[in-house]
Amino acid sequence: MNFFRSLKKKPATPYDAIGGQVTTNAIASTFYDIMESDPLAADLMAIHPKPLARIREVFALYLTMWLGGPDTYAKQFGHPRLRARHLPFTVTPALKEQWMYCMRKAMFEHVADKVLANQLLTSLNQLAEHMVNSEA
């Protein structure tokens, strides 16, 4: 067997490794489904503008870009500037934990590689921690 044929090509990005757009969209959708339905995320749900259809779409675009997929988000909205975009909202450690709760459930539901899921969640936790702007 040819040596080069025996090498397995690793996915280039986490986006590719989790299954691309289908999985990314599923994570984003499930994240908001959990936020809307789980009483443990009620405070997080309360600060989101309704209806959620547009924010679901924008989040899927952002998550796609963050995972290393197409940068449609940046083309439509520019640099994410996440902290600046979240400053109008009071983001407490409790809200951050609710956000991570929803993301953990969504990530583990859709990402088969649990090691990769945990790595992504660690990075997302750091990002979410940066959004906290109030202790109260």
N, C-alpha and C. Protein backbone atom coordinates (compact mmCIF):
# COMPACT_ATOMS: atom_id res chain seq x y z
N MET A 1 0.85 -1.19 0.00
CA MET A 1 0.00 0.00 0.00
C MET A 1 0.88 1.24 0.00
N ASN A 2 0.49 2.20 -0.76
CA ASN A 2 1.20 3.46 -0.83
C ASN A 2 1.18 4.16 0.52
N PHE A 3 2.36 4.61 0.97
CA PHE A 3 2.48 5.27 2.27
C PHE A 3 1.54 6.46 2.39
N PHE A 4 1.45 7.28 1.37
CA PHE A 4 0.63 8.48 1.44
C PHE A 4 -0.86 8.17 1.49
N ARG A 5 -1.26 7.09 0.91
CA ARG A 5 -2.67 6.69 0.98
C ARG A 5 -3.03 6.20 2.38
N SER A 6 -2.05 5.68 3.09
CA SER A 6 -2.33 5.15 4.42
C SER A 6 -2.45 6.25 5.47
N LEU A 7 -1.96 7.43 5.16
CA LEU A 7 -2.08 8.55 6.11
C LEU A 7 -3.50 9.07 6.11
N LYS A 8 -4.04 9.24 7.28
CA LYS A 8 -5.37 9.81 7.39
C LYS A 8 -5.23 11.31 7.56
N LYS A 9 -5.96 12.03 6.77
CA LYS A 9 -5.91 13.48 6.84
C LYS A 9 -6.75 13.94 8.03
N LYS A 10 -6.12 14.71 8.92
CA LYS A 10 -6.84 15.26 10.06
C LYS A 10 -7.67 16.45 9.60
N PRO A 11 -8.82 16.64 10.24
CA PRO A 11 -9.60 17.84 9.91
C PRO A 11 -8.77 19.09 10.19
N ALA A 12 -8.91 20.07 9.34
CA ALA A 12 -8.11 21.28 9.43
C ALA A 12 -8.55 22.19 10.58
N THR A 13 -9.82 22.15 10.93
CA THR A 13 -10.36 23.05 11.95
C THR A 13 -11.33 22.29 12.84
N PRO A 14 -11.64 22.85 14.01
CA PRO A 14 -12.69 22.23 14.82
C PRO A 14 -14.01 22.16 14.07
N TYR A 15 -14.28 23.16 13.25
CA TYR A 15 -15.50 23.17 12.42
C TYR A 15 -15.57 21.90 11.58
N ASP A 16 -14.47 21.57 10.92
CA ASP A 16 -14.43 20.35 10.11
C ASP A 16 -14.52 19.10 10.99
N ALA A 17 -13.83 19.13 12.12
CA ALA A 17 -13.77 17.95 12.99
C ALA A 17 -15.13 17.59 13.59
N ILE A 18 -15.97 18.59 13.84
CA ILE A 18 -17.27 18.26 14.44
C ILE A 18 -18.33 17.91 13.40
N GLY A 19 -18.05 18.19 12.14
CA GLY A 19 -19.03 17.84 11.10
C GLY A 19 -19.54 19.02 10.30
N GLY A 20 -18.85 20.15 10.39
CA GLY A 20 -19.18 21.28 9.54
C GLY A 20 -20.45 22.01 9.91
N GLN A 21 -21.10 22.54 8.88
CA GLN A 21 -22.25 23.42 9.09
C GLN A 21 -23.44 22.72 9.71
N VAL A 22 -23.68 21.48 9.33
CA VAL A 22 -24.83 20.77 9.88
C VAL A 22 -24.72 20.67 11.40
N THR A 23 -23.57 20.25 11.89
CA THR A 23 -23.38 20.11 13.33
C THR A 23 -23.35 21.47 14.02
N THR A 24 -22.70 22.44 13.41
CA THR A 24 -22.63 23.78 14.00
C THR A 24 -24.03 24.37 14.14
N ASN A 25 -24.84 24.25 13.11
CA ASN A 25 -26.22 24.74 13.18
C ASN A 25 -27.01 24.00 14.25
N ALA A 26 -26.78 22.69 14.37
CA ALA A 26 -27.49 21.90 15.37
C ALA A 26 -27.10 22.35 16.78
N ILE A 27 -25.83 22.61 17.01
CA ILE A 27 -25.39 23.10 18.33
C ILE A 27 -26.06 24.43 18.64
N ALA A 28 -26.02 25.36 17.69
CA ALA A 28 -26.62 26.68 17.91
C ALA A 28 -28.11 26.57 18.18
N SER A 29 -28.80 25.76 17.41
CA SER A 29 -30.24 25.59 17.58
C SER A 29 -30.57 24.95 18.92
N THR A 30 -29.86 23.89 19.26
CA THR A 30 -30.10 23.21 20.53
C THR A 30 -29.79 24.12 21.70
N PHE A 31 -28.75 24.92 21.59
CA PHE A 31 -28.40 25.89 22.64
C PHE A 31 -29.62 26.76 22.96
N TYR A 32 -30.24 27.32 21.93
CA TYR A 32 -31.40 28.19 22.17
C TYR A 32 -32.64 27.40 22.59
N ASP A 33 -32.79 26.18 22.10
CA ASP A 33 -33.90 25.34 22.56
C ASP A 33 -33.81 25.10 24.06
N ILE A 34 -32.60 24.81 24.53
CA ILE A 34 -32.38 24.59 25.96
C ILE A 34 -32.65 25.88 26.73
N MET A 35 -32.11 26.97 26.24
CA MET A 35 -32.30 28.25 26.92
C MET A 35 -33.79 28.59 27.05
N GLU A 36 -34.56 28.29 26.01
CA GLU A 36 -35.99 28.60 26.02
C GLU A 36 -36.80 27.67 26.93
N SER A 37 -36.33 26.45 27.12
CA SER A 37 -37.18 25.47 27.79
C SER A 37 -36.71 25.04 29.18
N ASP A 38 -35.45 25.23 29.50
CA ASP A 38 -34.92 24.72 30.75
C ASP A 38 -35.02 25.80 31.84
N PRO A 39 -35.71 25.51 32.93
CA PRO A 39 -35.85 26.49 34.01
C PRO A 39 -34.50 26.95 34.58
N LEU A 40 -33.45 26.13 34.45
CA LEU A 40 -32.13 26.52 34.94
C LEU A 40 -31.51 27.66 34.12
N ALA A 41 -32.10 27.95 32.97
CA ALA A 41 -31.60 29.04 32.11
C ALA A 41 -32.60 30.19 32.02
N ALA A 42 -33.54 30.25 32.93
CA ALA A 42 -34.61 31.25 32.86
C ALA A 42 -34.09 32.68 32.91
N ASP A 43 -33.10 32.95 33.77
CA ASP A 43 -32.56 34.32 33.86
C ASP A 43 -31.84 34.71 32.57
N LEU A 44 -31.15 33.77 31.98
CA LEU A 44 -30.47 34.01 30.70
C LEU A 44 -31.49 34.30 29.61
N MET A 45 -32.54 33.50 29.57
CA MET A 45 -33.60 33.69 28.59
C MET A 45 -34.23 35.07 28.73
N ALA A 46 -34.40 35.51 29.95
CA ALA A 46 -35.09 36.78 30.22
C ALA A 46 -34.36 37.99 29.64
N ILE A 47 -33.05 37.92 29.48
CA ILE A 47 -32.32 39.09 28.96
C ILE A 47 -32.19 39.10 27.44
N HIS A 48 -32.67 38.05 26.78
CA HIS A 48 -32.57 37.99 25.32
C HIS A 48 -33.77 38.65 24.65
N PRO A 49 -33.52 39.40 23.59
CA PRO A 49 -34.64 40.01 22.87
C PRO A 49 -35.48 38.95 22.16
N LYS A 50 -36.77 39.17 22.14
CA LYS A 50 -37.69 38.24 21.48
C LYS A 50 -38.22 38.90 20.21
N PRO A 51 -38.58 38.17 19.23
CA PRO A 51 -38.41 36.71 19.10
C PRO A 51 -36.94 36.36 18.90
N LEU A 52 -36.62 35.10 19.08
CA LEU A 52 -35.22 34.65 19.03
C LEU A 52 -34.75 34.23 17.64
N ALA A 53 -35.61 34.27 16.66
CA ALA A 53 -35.24 33.75 15.33
C ALA A 53 -33.97 34.40 14.79
N ARG A 54 -33.88 35.71 14.84
CA ARG A 54 -32.72 36.40 14.27
C ARG A 54 -31.45 36.11 15.08
N ILE A 55 -31.56 36.14 16.40
CA ILE A 55 -30.38 35.91 17.23
C ILE A 55 -29.88 34.47 17.07
N ARG A 56 -30.78 33.54 16.82
CA ARG A 56 -30.38 32.15 16.54
C ARG A 56 -29.52 32.10 15.28
N GLU A 57 -29.95 32.80 14.24
CA GLU A 57 -29.21 32.83 12.98
C GLU A 57 -27.83 33.46 13.16
N VAL A 58 -27.80 34.59 13.85
CA VAL A 58 -26.54 35.30 14.05
C VAL A 58 -25.58 34.47 14.89
N PHE A 59 -26.10 33.81 15.92
CA PHE A 59 -25.25 32.96 16.75
C PHE A 59 -24.68 31.81 15.94
N ALA A 60 -25.46 31.20 15.07
CA ALA A 60 -24.96 30.11 14.23
C ALA A 60 -23.84 30.62 13.32
N LEU A 61 -24.00 31.82 12.78
CA LEU A 61 -22.94 32.40 11.94
C LEU A 61 -21.68 32.66 12.75
N TYR A 62 -21.85 33.21 13.96
CA TYR A 62 -20.69 33.47 14.81
C TYR A 62 -19.99 32.16 15.18
N LEU A 63 -20.76 31.17 15.63
CA LEU A 63 -20.18 29.90 16.03
C LEU A 63 -19.45 29.24 14.87
N THR A 64 -20.00 29.34 13.68
CA THR A 64 -19.35 28.82 12.48
C THR A 64 -17.97 29.44 12.32
N MET A 65 -17.91 30.76 12.41
CA MET A 65 -16.64 31.48 12.25
C MET A 65 -15.69 31.12 13.39
N TRP A 66 -16.19 31.10 14.62
CA TRP A 66 -15.36 30.83 15.78
C TRP A 66 -14.71 29.44 15.69
N LEU A 67 -15.44 28.48 15.14
CA LEU A 67 -14.94 27.12 15.00
C LEU A 67 -13.98 26.95 13.81
N GLY A 68 -13.83 27.98 13.01
CA GLY A 68 -12.91 27.89 11.87
C GLY A 68 -13.59 27.64 10.55
N GLY A 69 -14.90 27.80 10.51
CA GLY A 69 -15.65 27.63 9.26
C GLY A 69 -15.70 28.94 8.48
N PRO A 70 -16.59 29.03 7.52
CA PRO A 70 -16.71 30.25 6.72
C PRO A 70 -16.93 31.49 7.59
N ASP A 71 -16.36 32.61 7.17
CA ASP A 71 -16.43 33.84 7.96
C ASP A 71 -17.58 34.76 7.53
N THR A 72 -18.70 34.16 7.25
CA THR A 72 -19.89 34.93 6.85
C THR A 72 -20.27 35.95 7.90
N TYR A 73 -20.11 35.59 9.18
CA TYR A 73 -20.43 36.52 10.26
C TYR A 73 -19.64 37.82 10.09
N ALA A 74 -18.33 37.70 9.93
CA ALA A 74 -17.47 38.89 9.81
C ALA A 74 -17.82 39.69 8.55
N LYS A 75 -18.15 39.02 7.49
CA LYS A 75 -18.52 39.72 6.25
C LYS A 75 -19.80 40.52 6.43
N GLN A 76 -20.73 39.99 7.22
CA GLN A 76 -22.01 40.68 7.43
C GLN A 76 -21.96 41.72 8.54
N PHE A 77 -21.21 41.43 9.61
CA PHE A 77 -21.28 42.27 10.81
C PHE A 77 -19.95 42.89 11.21
N GLY A 78 -18.87 42.53 10.54
CA GLY A 78 -17.56 43.03 10.94
C GLY A 78 -16.99 42.20 12.07
N HIS A 79 -15.94 42.74 12.69
CA HIS A 79 -15.30 42.05 13.81
C HIS A 79 -16.34 41.82 14.91
N PRO A 80 -16.32 40.65 15.55
CA PRO A 80 -17.36 40.35 16.56
C PRO A 80 -17.41 41.34 17.73
N ARG A 81 -16.27 41.83 18.20
CA ARG A 81 -16.26 42.76 19.35
C ARG A 81 -17.25 42.29 20.42
N LEU A 82 -17.14 41.05 20.82
CA LEU A 82 -18.13 40.44 21.71
C LEU A 82 -18.30 41.20 23.02
N ARG A 83 -17.21 41.59 23.64
CA ARG A 83 -17.35 42.30 24.92
C ARG A 83 -18.12 43.59 24.71
N ALA A 84 -17.79 44.36 23.69
CA ALA A 84 -18.49 45.62 23.42
C ALA A 84 -19.97 45.37 23.12
N ARG A 85 -20.26 44.31 22.39
CA ARG A 85 -21.66 44.00 22.06
C ARG A 85 -22.46 43.58 23.29
N HIS A 86 -21.77 43.06 24.30
CA HIS A 86 -22.47 42.60 25.51
C HIS A 86 -22.50 43.64 26.63
N LEU A 87 -21.74 44.73 26.49
CA LEU A 87 -21.69 45.74 27.54
C LEU A 87 -23.04 46.36 27.88
N PRO A 88 -23.97 46.53 26.93
CA PRO A 88 -25.27 47.09 27.31
C PRO A 88 -26.08 46.19 28.26
N PHE A 89 -25.66 44.95 28.40
CA PHE A 89 -26.36 44.00 29.24
C PHE A 89 -25.56 43.73 30.51
N THR A 90 -26.25 43.53 31.61
CA THR A 90 -25.58 43.12 32.84
C THR A 90 -25.32 41.63 32.74
N VAL A 91 -24.05 41.28 32.63
CA VAL A 91 -23.67 39.87 32.52
C VAL A 91 -22.95 39.49 33.81
N THR A 92 -23.64 38.70 34.60
CA THR A 92 -23.11 38.26 35.89
C THR A 92 -22.47 36.89 35.79
N PRO A 93 -21.70 36.50 36.79
CA PRO A 93 -21.17 35.13 36.79
C PRO A 93 -22.29 34.08 36.72
N ALA A 94 -23.43 34.35 37.34
CA ALA A 94 -24.55 33.39 37.28
C ALA A 94 -25.09 33.26 35.86
N LEU A 95 -25.19 34.38 35.14
CA LEU A 95 -25.66 34.31 33.75
C LEU A 95 -24.64 33.59 32.87
N LYS A 96 -23.38 33.84 33.13
CA LYS A 96 -22.32 33.14 32.39
C LYS A 96 -22.45 31.63 32.61
N GLU A 97 -22.71 31.22 33.84
CA GLU A 97 -22.87 29.79 34.13
C GLU A 97 -24.10 29.21 33.45
N GLN A 98 -25.17 29.99 33.36
CA GLN A 98 -26.36 29.52 32.64
C GLN A 98 -26.04 29.36 31.15
N TRP A 99 -25.28 30.30 30.60
CA TRP A 99 -24.88 30.22 29.20
C TRP A 99 -24.06 28.95 28.96
N MET A 100 -23.10 28.72 29.86
CA MET A 100 -22.25 27.53 29.72
C MET A 100 -23.05 26.25 29.92
N TYR A 101 -24.02 26.26 30.79
CA TYR A 101 -24.89 25.11 31.00
C TYR A 101 -25.58 24.73 29.69
N CYS A 102 -26.16 25.73 29.03
CA CYS A 102 -26.84 25.48 27.75
C CYS A 102 -25.84 25.00 26.69
N MET A 103 -24.67 25.62 26.66
CA MET A 103 -23.67 25.25 25.66
C MET A 103 -23.13 23.84 25.92
N ARG A 104 -22.88 23.50 27.17
CA ARG A 104 -22.41 22.13 27.47
C ARG A 104 -23.40 21.09 26.98
N LYS A 105 -24.67 21.30 27.31
CA LYS A 105 -25.69 20.34 26.89
C LYS A 105 -25.76 20.24 25.36
N ALA A 106 -25.73 21.37 24.68
CA ALA A 106 -25.79 21.37 23.21
C ALA A 106 -24.56 20.72 22.61
N MET A 107 -23.39 21.07 23.13
CA MET A 107 -22.14 20.53 22.60
C MET A 107 -22.09 19.02 22.77
N PHE A 108 -22.41 18.53 23.96
CA PHE A 108 -22.33 17.09 24.19
C PHE A 108 -23.41 16.32 23.43
N GLU A 109 -24.50 16.97 23.10
CA GLU A 109 -25.53 16.31 22.30
C GLU A 109 -25.08 16.10 20.86
N HIS A 110 -24.28 17.02 20.34
CA HIS A 110 -23.99 16.99 18.91
C HIS A 110 -22.54 16.67 18.52
N VAL A 111 -21.62 16.74 19.45
CA VAL A 111 -20.21 16.48 19.11
C VAL A 111 -19.83 15.11 19.64
N ALA A 112 -19.55 14.21 18.73
CA ALA A 112 -19.25 12.82 19.10
C ALA A 112 -17.92 12.69 19.82
N ASP A 113 -16.94 13.46 19.42
CA ASP A 113 -15.61 13.41 20.03
C ASP A 113 -15.65 14.21 21.33
N LYS A 114 -15.78 13.52 22.45
CA LYS A 114 -15.95 14.19 23.75
C LYS A 114 -14.69 14.93 24.19
N VAL A 115 -13.53 14.46 23.78
CA VAL A 115 -12.29 15.18 24.09
C VAL A 115 -12.31 16.54 23.40
N LEU A 116 -12.66 16.53 22.12
CA LEU A 116 -12.77 17.79 21.38
C LEU A 116 -13.86 18.67 21.97
N ALA A 117 -14.99 18.09 22.31
CA ALA A 117 -16.08 18.87 22.91
C ALA A 117 -15.60 19.57 24.17
N ASN A 118 -14.86 18.86 25.02
CA ASN A 118 -14.34 19.46 26.24
C ASN A 118 -13.33 20.56 25.96
N GLN A 119 -12.50 20.37 24.95
CA GLN A 119 -11.54 21.42 24.57
C GLN A 119 -12.27 22.68 24.11
N LEU A 120 -13.30 22.49 23.29
CA LEU A 120 -14.08 23.63 22.81
C LEU A 120 -14.79 24.32 23.97
N LEU A 121 -15.33 23.54 24.88
CA LEU A 121 -16.03 24.11 26.03
C LEU A 121 -15.08 24.89 26.94
N THR A 122 -13.86 24.41 27.07
CA THR A 122 -12.86 25.15 27.86
C THR A 122 -12.60 26.52 27.23
N SER A 123 -12.45 26.55 25.93
CA SER A 123 -12.23 27.83 25.23
C SER A 123 -13.46 28.72 25.32
N LEU A 124 -14.63 28.14 25.16
CA LEU A 124 -15.86 28.93 25.27
C LEU A 124 -16.06 29.47 26.68
N ASN A 125 -15.66 28.70 27.68
CA ASN A 125 -15.77 29.17 29.05
C ASN A 125 -14.89 30.40 29.27
N GLN A 126 -13.70 30.38 28.71
CA GLN A 126 -12.82 31.55 28.81
C GLN A 126 -13.43 32.76 28.11
N LEU A 127 -14.01 32.53 26.95
CA LEU A 127 -14.67 33.59 26.21
C LEU A 127 -15.86 34.13 27.00
N ALA A 128 -16.66 33.24 27.55
CA ALA A 128 -17.83 33.64 28.33
C ALA A 128 -17.40 34.42 29.59
N GLU A 129 -16.32 34.01 30.20
CA GLU A 129 -15.81 34.71 31.38
C GLU A 129 -15.45 36.15 31.04
N HIS A 130 -14.96 36.37 29.84
CA HIS A 130 -14.61 37.72 29.39
C HIS A 130 -15.85 38.60 29.22
N MET A 131 -17.02 38.01 29.05
CA MET A 131 -18.27 38.78 28.88
C MET A 131 -18.83 39.28 30.22
N VAL A 132 -18.40 38.66 31.32
CA VAL A 132 -18.90 39.07 32.64
C VAL A 132 -18.48 40.51 32.90
N ASN A 133 -19.48 41.32 33.22
CA ASN A 133 -19.21 42.75 33.45
C ASN A 133 -19.83 43.27 34.75
N SER A 134 -20.35 42.36 35.56
CA SER A 134 -20.97 42.75 36.83
C SER A 134 -20.92 41.56 37.78
N GLU A 135 -20.63 41.83 39.02
CA GLU A 135 -20.63 40.77 40.03
C GLU A 135 -22.01 40.56 40.61
N ALA A 136 -22.89 41.55 40.45
CA ALA A 136 -24.22 41.47 41.07
C ALA A 136 -25.24 40.85 40.15
